[in-house]
Amino acid sequence: MIAILPAPWGDVLTIAGTVVVALVLFGLTVAAHEFGHFWAARKAGLVVERFAIGFGPKIYGKVIHGVEWQVNLLPLGGFVQLPQMSPAEGLEGKAAEEHKDLPPASPGAKIFTALAGPVASLALGVACAFGVWILGVPTNMTYRTTTIGWVEADSPAARAGILPGDKILAIDGQRPERWAGRPGAVVESILLGINRDILLELDRDGHEVVTVRIVPEPDKALEGLRRLGFETYPSQAALVDKVIEGGPAARAGIHPGDRLVSVDGQKIWNPAAVKAAVESGHDRLEFVVEDAEGHRRTVSLRPEQAINRKDRMIGVVWKPSDMQITRPTPQEQVGSAAGLVFRTLRALVSPASHVGVQHLSGPLGIFERLVSLLQTDPRLVLYFSVILNVNLAVLNLLPIPVLDGGHILFSLVEAVRRRQLRAKTVERIQTAFVILLAGFFLLVTYHDSLRIKRRMDKPAESTEMPVFRSAPEKK
């Protein structure tokens, strides 16, 4: 006999299962990177003392063939403890007494071992990319445009004279290929720009090229990232999915499947234009409506306030964005992920950019993202894993002590000098950067927690359909 759990307990188990799966996926990403170090160290003849996932107090540990395999409390990454490499006792703990007097590894062995971690991460990213290529990934097809659908009132773009329907030809001299989701897309080019102002080249009505230079303003909703005022409004048809019974649109004869072409003589490039027209306070609105066969008619209606709503509306539900399964090539996915990392790093160090450390995500943000994607579509997790592993590979190659790139840098210096660096000097540098790294993790985790809290505190949109008063009977 199979027992069916009540809905609340079923939801709890579903959420708990999703969290566990997300933890496993995050752990596998870390494990793959660290296994690269482990394999290379063994190949190079180095002593491996410990293979750990996470930092801090040990939760589980088992010694196999002289190596302690352990899981630690804080899931912030992992490490392979190699006594012959540069010391990092602040993160990894002290080496065992019998390994204190081991001969140092050669620079070549250290470089080979340090490089193997990023290579393993990249290999896992490529494997995930092939999985996405085979299985496909849900893609918002609305983002395949570069045409502006709406411009917010009193925004930098509106003050510069940018209009709905303008097609973006270039941003700071670079041609965007789509609206969002790529390093050179419209949204990313604005958010990750490194100049004080943004130069836009626009195609207006197909016969005029307009050049506009705009100074962006910080967007409070995006923690101070730059904003022009059209980023969330790509060109999108105002297709009616549902018509609310008893509402103005229903009484005016608008039907599901109709497309609203214009309002009060202005072409509609995005459903936001309808919302703005309603909020303008006009007593009546005149729409040109096109049915599924392409026949057009003019409809006049009066926006009304529903009984269970505060704002006036016309009483339609828009058709959601067109989602299709696409299969981007592995080269496209890996190249896009790497390009996004490099553009973010460039923006991070640029004085004119609005990008700061507070905009980066650490393990908490990554984990929360994995949970969200698992609840949406598991294929999105595979796609995100490409980005995550490429990020891990590239960032670990930065020449910063404690990171793999730092080990490679120390080893190159040793190779050039033809002698070992002083152990005390290396230890002090490593300790200083361990403290900095710990501070960095605390900072990004703090901002991750603030973002999660804001999302949790945000009032949920009502799923209740608007209810309109009955239309007065004609006498």
Protein backbone atom coordinates (compact mmCIF):
# COMPACT_ATOMS: atom_id res chain seq x y z
CA MET A 1 0.00 0.00 0.00
CA ILE A 2 1.37 3.43 -0.96
CA ALA A 3 0.72 6.27 1.45
CA ILE A 4 0.12 9.70 -0.10
CA LEU A 5 1.48 12.51 2.03
CA PRO A 6 -0.69 15.58 2.69
CA ALA A 7 0.13 18.51 0.42
CA PRO A 8 2.13 20.56 3.00
CA TRP A 9 4.37 17.59 3.88
CA GLY A 10 4.74 16.77 0.21
CA ASP A 11 5.90 20.34 -0.42
CA VAL A 12 8.34 20.14 2.48
CA LEU A 13 9.84 16.91 1.15
CA THR A 14 10.05 18.34 -2.37
CA ILE A 15 11.89 21.42 -1.14
CA ALA A 16 14.16 19.34 1.09
CA GLY A 17 14.93 16.99 -1.80
CA THR A 18 15.69 19.93 -4.08
CA VAL A 19 18.07 21.41 -1.51
CA VAL A 20 19.87 18.07 -1.12
CA VAL A 21 20.21 17.68 -4.90
CA ALA A 22 21.56 21.24 -5.17
CA LEU A 23 24.12 20.50 -2.43
CA VAL A 24 25.20 17.35 -4.25
CA LEU A 25 25.54 19.22 -7.56
CA PHE A 26 27.58 21.98 -5.94
CA GLY A 27 29.73 19.37 -4.21
CA LEU A 28 30.33 17.56 -7.51
CA THR A 29 31.51 20.80 -9.11
CA VAL A 30 34.02 21.34 -6.29
CA ALA A 31 35.02 17.67 -6.26
CA ALA A 32 35.79 17.66 -9.98
CA HIS A 33 38.12 20.65 -9.58
CA GLU A 34 39.89 19.15 -6.58
CA PHE A 35 40.14 15.74 -8.21
CA GLY A 36 42.13 17.39 -10.98
CA HIS A 37 44.68 18.48 -8.36
CA PHE A 38 44.61 15.05 -6.73
CA TRP A 39 45.22 13.17 -9.99
CA ALA A 40 48.01 15.49 -11.09
CA ALA A 41 49.71 15.37 -7.68
CA ARG A 42 49.74 11.58 -7.76
CA LYS A 43 51.10 11.61 -11.33
CA ALA A 44 53.82 14.05 -10.29
CA GLY A 45 54.80 11.89 -7.30
CA LEU A 46 53.65 14.38 -4.65
CA VAL A 47 52.36 13.35 -1.24
CA VAL A 48 48.60 13.84 -0.87
CA GLU A 49 47.52 14.14 2.75
CA ARG A 50 43.87 15.18 2.55
CA PHE A 51 41.03 15.55 -0.01
CA ALA A 52 38.33 17.79 1.44
CA ILE A 53 35.01 19.21 0.31
CA GLY A 54 34.23 22.33 2.33
CA PHE A 55 36.17 24.13 5.04
CA GLY A 56 36.01 24.35 8.82
CA PRO A 57 35.12 21.54 11.26
CA LYS A 58 35.08 18.02 9.86
CA ILE A 59 31.69 16.29 9.50
CA TYR A 60 32.94 13.03 8.01
CA GLY A 61 36.35 11.59 7.28
CA LYS A 62 37.89 8.29 6.24
CA VAL A 63 41.50 7.38 5.49
CA ILE A 64 42.01 5.33 2.32
CA HIS A 65 45.52 4.41 1.15
CA GLY A 66 47.05 7.10 3.30
CA VAL A 67 44.72 9.91 2.11
CA GLU A 68 42.03 11.31 4.40
CA TRP A 69 38.83 11.91 2.46
CA GLN A 70 36.61 14.31 4.35
CA VAL A 71 33.53 16.52 4.20
CA ASN A 72 33.65 19.73 6.23
CA LEU A 73 30.94 21.94 7.70
CA LEU A 74 31.21 25.05 5.50
CA PRO A 75 30.40 24.24 1.84
CA LEU A 76 32.47 27.13 0.48
CA GLY A 77 34.73 25.11 -1.80
CA GLY A 78 37.32 22.43 -1.18
CA PHE A 79 41.01 21.60 -1.22
CA VAL A 80 43.61 18.89 -1.65
CA GLN A 81 46.25 19.21 1.05
CA LEU A 82 49.71 18.83 -0.48
CA PRO A 83 52.51 19.38 2.08
CA GLN A 84 55.09 19.89 -0.68
CA MET A 85 53.19 22.77 -2.27
CA SER A 86 52.99 26.33 -0.89
CA PRO A 87 51.58 26.20 2.67
CA ALA A 88 47.94 27.16 3.21
CA GLU A 89 47.38 25.99 6.78
CA GLY A 90 44.93 28.82 7.43
CA LEU A 91 42.45 27.11 5.11
CA GLU A 92 43.56 23.48 5.07
CA GLY A 93 44.80 22.88 8.61
CA LYS A 94 48.26 21.81 9.73
CA ALA A 95 50.15 19.08 7.94
CA ALA A 96 50.76 15.80 9.72
CA GLU A 97 54.04 15.54 11.65
CA GLU A 98 55.48 12.82 9.39
CA HIS A 99 55.13 15.13 6.38
CA LYS A 100 56.94 18.13 7.88
CA ASP A 101 60.38 17.32 6.42
CA LEU A 102 59.39 16.18 2.92
CA PRO A 103 61.61 17.45 0.09
CA PRO A 104 59.97 20.36 -1.80
CA ALA A 105 58.35 19.64 -5.15
CA SER A 106 59.92 20.91 -8.34
CA PRO A 107 58.41 24.03 -9.99
CA GLY A 108 57.24 21.88 -12.90
CA ALA A 109 55.41 19.46 -10.62
CA LYS A 110 53.74 22.34 -8.77
CA ILE A 111 52.63 24.05 -11.97
CA PHE A 112 51.30 20.76 -13.38
CA THR A 113 49.36 20.07 -10.17
CA ALA A 114 47.98 23.61 -9.81
CA LEU A 115 46.92 23.80 -13.46
CA ALA A 116 45.08 20.47 -13.33
CA GLY A 117 42.26 21.86 -11.17
CA PRO A 118 41.14 24.56 -13.63
CA VAL A 119 41.59 22.09 -16.50
CA ALA A 120 39.30 19.61 -14.71
CA SER A 121 36.69 22.36 -14.14
CA LEU A 122 36.88 23.35 -17.79
CA ALA A 123 36.53 19.70 -18.85
CA LEU A 124 33.41 19.32 -16.69
CA GLY A 125 32.04 22.55 -18.17
CA VAL A 126 32.61 21.21 -21.69
CA ALA A 127 30.94 17.90 -20.75
CA CYS A 128 27.90 19.81 -19.42
CA ALA A 129 27.88 21.88 -22.62
CA PHE A 130 27.65 18.70 -24.70
CA GLY A 131 24.77 17.62 -22.46
CA VAL A 132 22.95 20.90 -23.15
CA TRP A 133 23.65 20.51 -26.88
CA ILE A 134 22.08 17.04 -26.83
CA LEU A 135 19.15 17.63 -24.44
CA GLY A 136 18.46 21.27 -25.29
CA VAL A 137 17.65 24.14 -22.94
CA PRO A 138 14.50 26.29 -22.53
CA THR A 139 15.25 29.65 -24.15
CA ASN A 140 13.31 32.91 -24.08
CA MET A 141 12.98 33.68 -27.79
CA THR A 142 12.00 37.28 -27.01
CA TYR A 143 15.68 37.89 -26.24
CA ARG A 144 16.60 37.24 -29.88
CA THR A 145 15.80 40.86 -30.75
CA THR A 146 17.76 44.10 -30.36
CA THR A 147 14.71 46.35 -30.85
CA ILE A 148 13.56 48.45 -27.90
CA GLY A 149 9.99 47.69 -26.82
CA TRP A 150 9.40 50.44 -24.26
CA VAL A 151 11.22 53.36 -22.64
CA GLU A 152 10.42 54.27 -19.05
CA ALA A 153 9.31 57.85 -18.43
CA ASP A 154 11.94 60.23 -17.01
CA SER A 155 14.72 57.68 -17.53
CA PRO A 156 18.11 58.54 -19.09
CA ALA A 157 16.95 56.93 -22.35
CA ALA A 158 13.69 58.92 -22.40
CA ARG A 159 15.53 62.19 -21.73
CA ALA A 160 17.92 61.37 -24.59
CA GLY A 161 15.00 60.96 -27.01
CA ILE A 162 15.15 57.19 -27.49
CA LEU A 163 11.83 55.76 -28.70
CA PRO A 164 10.10 52.39 -28.64
CA GLY A 165 10.82 50.65 -31.94
CA ASP A 166 14.39 51.92 -32.15
CA LYS A 167 16.69 49.06 -33.15
CA ILE A 168 20.07 49.04 -31.42
CA LEU A 169 22.83 48.73 -34.00
CA ALA A 170 25.82 49.24 -31.71
CA ILE A 171 26.69 49.90 -28.07
CA ASP A 172 30.06 51.63 -27.55
CA GLY A 173 31.03 50.54 -31.04
CA GLN A 174 30.13 46.85 -30.55
CA ARG A 175 27.21 45.26 -32.36
CA PRO A 176 24.88 43.39 -29.96
CA GLU A 177 23.72 40.01 -31.18
CA ARG A 178 20.64 39.72 -28.95
CA TRP A 179 18.86 41.32 -25.98
CA ALA A 180 20.32 39.32 -23.08
CA GLY A 181 22.17 36.15 -22.14
CA ARG A 182 25.49 36.75 -23.94
CA PRO A 183 28.58 38.84 -23.10
CA GLY A 184 27.90 41.17 -26.03
CA ALA A 185 24.10 41.35 -25.62
CA VAL A 186 22.24 44.61 -25.01
CA VAL A 187 21.66 44.17 -21.27
CA GLU A 188 25.15 42.85 -20.50
CA SER A 189 26.78 45.62 -22.57
CA ILE A 190 24.98 48.23 -20.48
CA LEU A 191 25.48 46.59 -17.07
CA LEU A 192 29.15 45.73 -17.65
CA GLY A 193 30.14 48.91 -19.50
CA ILE A 194 33.41 50.54 -18.43
CA ASN A 195 32.94 54.08 -19.77
CA ARG A 196 31.32 56.99 -17.94
CA ASP A 197 28.71 57.27 -20.69
CA ILE A 198 27.25 54.88 -23.26
CA LEU A 199 27.25 55.51 -27.00
CA LEU A 200 24.24 54.03 -28.80
CA GLU A 201 23.70 53.75 -32.57
CA LEU A 202 20.03 53.25 -33.40
CA ASP A 203 18.08 52.41 -36.53
CA ARG A 204 14.87 54.46 -36.45
CA ASP A 205 12.08 53.38 -38.78
CA GLY A 206 14.56 51.66 -41.09
CA HIS A 207 15.69 54.87 -42.83
CA GLU A 208 17.50 56.93 -40.18
CA VAL A 209 20.54 56.13 -38.04
CA VAL A 210 20.47 58.02 -34.74
CA THR A 211 23.57 58.34 -32.54
CA VAL A 212 22.99 59.05 -28.86
CA ARG A 213 25.44 59.40 -25.97
CA ILE A 214 23.83 58.77 -22.58
CA VAL A 215 25.11 58.93 -19.02
CA PRO A 216 23.48 55.98 -17.19
CA GLU A 217 22.08 56.27 -13.70
CA PRO A 218 22.36 53.76 -10.85
CA ASP A 219 19.43 51.40 -10.48
CA LYS A 220 18.43 50.83 -6.86
CA ALA A 221 16.62 47.63 -7.79
CA LEU A 222 19.93 46.26 -9.15
CA GLU A 223 22.08 47.40 -6.23
CA GLY A 224 23.42 50.44 -8.05
CA LEU A 225 24.22 48.85 -11.42
CA ARG A 226 23.83 51.19 -14.39
CA ARG A 227 20.46 51.75 -15.99
CA LEU A 228 19.18 53.49 -19.13
CA GLY A 229 15.49 52.76 -18.78
CA PHE A 230 14.65 50.20 -21.47
CA GLU A 231 16.63 47.12 -20.35
CA THR A 232 13.61 45.07 -19.23
CA TYR A 233 11.52 45.83 -22.32
CA PRO A 234 12.64 44.08 -25.50
CA SER A 235 10.32 44.28 -28.47
CA GLN A 236 7.43 41.87 -27.86
CA ALA A 237 3.99 41.60 -29.43
CA ALA A 238 1.03 42.42 -27.16
CA LEU A 239 -0.73 39.09 -27.68
CA VAL A 240 -3.84 38.43 -25.61
CA ASP A 241 -3.76 35.06 -23.84
CA LYS A 242 -6.91 35.47 -21.69
CA VAL A 243 -9.72 37.98 -21.46
CA ILE A 244 -11.14 38.61 -17.99
CA GLU A 245 -14.88 37.95 -17.89
CA GLY A 246 -16.92 41.12 -17.41
CA GLY A 247 -13.93 43.41 -17.95
CA PRO A 248 -13.61 46.33 -20.39
CA ALA A 249 -11.76 44.23 -23.00
CA ALA A 250 -14.39 41.47 -22.91
CA ARG A 251 -17.23 43.96 -23.31
CA ALA A 252 -15.37 45.64 -26.19
CA GLY A 253 -15.10 42.34 -28.07
CA ILE A 254 -11.41 41.57 -27.62
CA HIS A 255 -10.73 37.81 -27.73
CA PRO A 256 -7.86 35.47 -26.78
CA GLY A 257 -5.39 35.30 -29.66
CA ASP A 258 -5.93 38.94 -30.67
CA ARG A 259 -2.92 41.25 -30.94
CA LEU A 260 -3.13 44.87 -29.85
CA VAL A 261 -1.35 46.74 -32.63
CA SER A 262 -1.62 50.35 -31.47
CA VAL A 263 -3.15 52.50 -28.74
CA ASP A 264 -4.34 56.07 -29.44
CA GLY A 265 -2.41 56.03 -32.71
CA GLN A 266 0.90 54.89 -31.21
CA LYS A 267 2.31 51.52 -32.29
CA ILE A 268 2.64 49.00 -29.44
CA TRP A 269 6.14 47.52 -29.29
CA ASN A 270 5.69 45.91 -25.87
CA PRO A 271 2.69 45.27 -23.56
CA ALA A 272 4.20 47.89 -21.23
CA ALA A 273 2.84 50.51 -23.67
CA VAL A 274 -0.71 49.42 -22.84
CA LYS A 275 -0.04 49.66 -19.11
CA ALA A 276 1.40 53.16 -19.57
CA ALA A 277 -1.61 54.24 -21.63
CA VAL A 278 -3.98 53.00 -18.94
CA GLU A 279 -1.99 54.79 -16.23
CA SER A 280 -2.00 58.03 -18.24
CA GLY A 281 -5.50 58.72 -16.91
CA HIS A 282 -7.27 59.03 -20.27
CA ASP A 283 -10.97 58.34 -19.98
CA ARG A 284 -11.11 56.18 -23.11
CA LEU A 285 -8.46 54.36 -25.14
CA GLU A 286 -8.67 53.48 -28.80
CA PHE A 287 -6.95 50.29 -29.92
CA VAL A 288 -6.26 48.79 -33.30
CA VAL A 289 -6.73 45.04 -32.81
CA GLU A 290 -5.59 42.27 -35.16
CA ASP A 291 -7.18 38.81 -34.98
CA ALA A 292 -5.50 35.47 -35.71
CA GLU A 293 -6.41 35.75 -39.43
CA GLY A 294 -4.74 39.14 -39.74
CA HIS A 295 -7.96 41.19 -39.93
CA ARG A 296 -7.81 44.51 -38.12
CA ARG A 297 -10.51 46.50 -36.39
CA THR A 298 -10.70 49.53 -34.11
CA VAL A 299 -11.86 49.06 -30.53
CA SER A 300 -12.66 51.81 -28.02
CA LEU A 301 -12.88 51.02 -24.30
CA ARG A 302 -12.75 52.63 -20.88
CA PRO A 303 -10.17 51.23 -18.38
CA GLU A 304 -11.72 50.29 -15.06
CA GLN A 305 -10.63 49.38 -11.57
CA ALA A 306 -11.48 45.80 -10.61
CA ILE A 307 -13.15 45.15 -7.26
CA ASN A 308 -10.04 43.31 -5.98
CA ARG A 309 -7.39 45.58 -7.53
CA LYS A 310 -6.05 49.07 -6.79
CA ASP A 311 -5.12 50.06 -10.34
CA ARG A 312 -7.21 50.56 -13.44
CA MET A 313 -6.87 47.94 -16.18
CA ILE A 314 -8.44 46.78 -19.42
CA GLY A 315 -8.88 43.16 -18.27
CA VAL A 316 -6.53 41.01 -20.33
CA VAL A 317 -3.74 38.55 -19.53
CA TRP A 318 -0.83 38.75 -21.94
CA LYS A 319 0.60 35.68 -23.60
CA PRO A 320 3.89 34.83 -21.84
CA SER A 321 7.23 35.07 -23.58
CA ASP A 322 7.83 32.50 -26.30
CA MET A 323 9.93 29.73 -24.72
CA GLN A 324 11.53 27.19 -27.06
CA ILE A 325 14.06 24.41 -26.67
CA THR A 326 17.32 25.41 -28.35
CA ARG A 327 20.63 23.57 -28.67
CA PRO A 328 23.56 25.98 -28.56
CA THR A 329 26.86 24.38 -29.55
CA PRO A 330 29.43 23.56 -26.85
CA GLN A 331 31.80 26.16 -28.35
CA GLU A 332 29.10 28.80 -28.12
CA GLN A 333 28.29 27.98 -24.50
CA VAL A 334 31.89 27.82 -23.25
CA GLY A 335 32.88 30.91 -25.23
CA SER A 336 29.91 32.85 -23.88
CA ALA A 337 30.64 31.83 -20.28
CA ALA A 338 34.33 32.76 -20.58
CA GLY A 339 33.49 36.07 -22.25
CA LEU A 340 31.08 36.95 -19.45
CA VAL A 341 33.78 36.25 -16.83
CA PHE A 342 36.32 38.47 -18.59
CA ARG A 343 33.82 41.30 -19.09
CA THR A 344 32.82 41.13 -15.42
CA LEU A 345 36.45 41.20 -14.25
CA ARG A 346 37.18 44.14 -16.53
CA ALA A 347 34.17 46.03 -15.18
CA LEU A 348 35.14 45.15 -11.62
CA VAL A 349 38.52 46.93 -11.90
CA SER A 350 37.33 49.84 -14.04
CA PRO A 351 36.85 53.13 -12.11
CA ALA A 352 33.96 54.26 -14.34
CA SER A 353 32.02 51.02 -14.01
CA HIS A 354 29.20 50.57 -11.51
CA VAL A 355 30.15 46.93 -10.90
CA GLY A 356 31.52 46.17 -7.43
CA VAL A 357 32.29 43.23 -5.17
CA GLN A 358 28.75 43.51 -3.77
CA HIS A 359 27.39 42.38 -7.14
CA LEU A 360 29.32 39.10 -7.17
CA SER A 361 27.86 35.83 -5.93
CA GLY A 362 29.56 33.35 -3.63
CA PRO A 363 28.66 29.78 -2.66
CA LEU A 364 25.39 30.87 -1.01
CA GLY A 365 24.21 32.73 -4.11
CA ILE A 366 25.28 29.86 -6.38
CA PHE A 367 23.48 27.33 -4.20
CA GLU A 368 20.30 29.45 -4.13
CA ARG A 369 20.48 29.72 -7.92
CA LEU A 370 20.83 25.95 -8.29
CA VAL A 371 17.76 25.39 -6.10
CA SER A 372 15.74 27.88 -8.17
CA LEU A 373 16.77 26.31 -11.50
CA LEU A 374 16.06 22.78 -10.25
CA GLN A 375 12.52 23.85 -9.41
CA THR A 376 12.11 25.38 -12.88
CA ASP A 377 13.73 22.88 -15.28
CA PRO A 378 16.66 20.52 -14.62
CA ARG A 379 18.08 21.31 -18.06
CA LEU A 380 18.68 24.86 -16.87
CA VAL A 381 20.89 23.42 -14.14
CA LEU A 382 23.03 21.74 -16.78
CA TYR A 383 23.29 25.02 -18.68
CA PHE A 384 24.18 26.90 -15.49
CA SER A 385 26.82 24.27 -14.71
CA VAL A 386 28.65 25.27 -17.88
CA ILE A 387 28.82 28.86 -16.65
CA LEU A 388 29.74 27.79 -13.12
CA ASN A 389 32.60 25.50 -14.13
CA VAL A 390 34.06 27.92 -16.66
CA ASN A 391 33.93 30.62 -13.97
CA LEU A 392 35.71 28.29 -11.54
CA ALA A 393 38.40 27.50 -14.12
CA VAL A 394 39.08 31.11 -15.11
CA LEU A 395 38.94 32.67 -11.63
CA ASN A 396 41.26 30.05 -10.15
CA LEU A 397 43.88 30.96 -12.75
CA LEU A 398 44.11 34.53 -11.46
CA PRO A 399 47.66 35.12 -10.12
CA ILE A 400 46.47 35.55 -6.54
CA PRO A 401 48.14 33.65 -3.66
CA VAL A 402 45.95 30.82 -2.30
CA LEU A 403 44.32 30.37 -5.74
CA ASP A 404 45.80 28.00 -8.32
CA GLY A 405 47.14 30.95 -10.29
CA GLY A 406 49.05 32.05 -7.19
CA HIS A 407 50.71 28.63 -6.88
CA ILE A 408 51.66 28.81 -10.56
CA LEU A 409 53.09 32.33 -10.05
CA PHE A 410 55.22 31.22 -7.07
CA SER A 411 56.45 28.22 -9.05
CA LEU A 412 57.41 30.38 -12.05
CA VAL A 413 59.37 32.70 -9.75
CA GLU A 414 61.17 29.68 -8.30
CA ALA A 415 61.96 28.39 -11.79
CA VAL A 416 63.43 31.76 -12.84
CA ARG A 417 65.43 32.17 -9.59
CA ARG A 418 66.51 28.49 -9.69
CA ARG A 419 65.99 28.20 -5.97
CA GLN A 420 63.14 27.81 -3.53
CA LEU A 421 61.38 30.84 -2.09
CA ARG A 422 61.83 31.22 1.63
CA ALA A 423 59.16 29.16 3.36
CA LYS A 424 58.48 31.89 5.93
CA THR A 425 57.97 34.50 3.19
CA VAL A 426 55.56 32.29 1.28
CA GLU A 427 53.71 31.40 4.47
CA ARG A 428 53.23 35.05 5.42
CA ILE A 429 51.96 35.94 1.97
CA GLN A 430 49.63 32.95 1.97
CA THR A 431 48.33 33.77 5.45
CA ALA A 432 47.63 37.38 4.48
CA PHE A 433 45.68 36.28 1.44
CA VAL A 434 43.82 33.62 3.41
CA ILE A 435 42.56 36.42 5.65
CA LEU A 436 41.64 38.53 2.60
CA LEU A 437 39.92 35.56 0.96
CA ALA A 438 37.96 34.85 4.14
CA GLY A 439 36.89 38.50 4.26
CA PHE A 440 35.88 38.34 0.61
CA PHE A 441 33.77 35.24 1.22
CA LEU A 442 32.08 36.91 4.18
CA LEU A 443 31.35 40.03 2.11
CA VAL A 444 29.83 38.24 -0.89
CA THR A 445 27.91 35.89 1.42
CA TYR A 446 26.51 38.91 3.26
CA HIS A 447 25.31 40.46 -0.01
CA ASP A 448 23.97 37.10 -1.20
CA SER A 449 21.94 36.83 2.01
CA LEU A 450 20.59 40.37 1.53
CA ARG A 451 19.48 39.52 -2.00
CA ILE A 452 17.77 36.35 -0.84
CA LYS A 453 16.06 38.22 2.01
CA ARG A 454 14.79 40.91 -0.37
CA ARG A 455 13.31 38.25 -2.63
CA MET A 456 11.67 36.51 0.32
CA ASP A 457 10.28 39.79 1.69
CA LYS A 458 8.90 40.86 -1.68
CA PRO A 459 5.11 40.50 -1.64
CA ALA A 460 3.94 37.65 -3.84
CA GLU A 461 1.84 38.66 -6.81
CA SER A 462 -1.78 37.76 -6.41
CA THR A 463 -2.87 34.78 -8.47
CA GLU A 464 -6.52 35.78 -8.04
CA MET A 465 -8.13 36.94 -11.26
CA PRO A 466 -9.50 40.50 -11.33
CA VAL A 467 -13.24 40.77 -10.69
CA PHE A 468 -15.12 43.57 -12.41
CA ARG A 469 -18.46 45.08 -11.49
CA SER A 470 -21.27 44.07 -13.76
CA ALA A 471 -21.75 46.39 -16.68
CA PRO A 472 -24.83 48.61 -16.32
CA GLU A 473 -27.81 47.41 -18.29
CA LYS A 474 -28.83 49.50 -21.28
CA LYS A 475 -32.24 51.10 -21.04
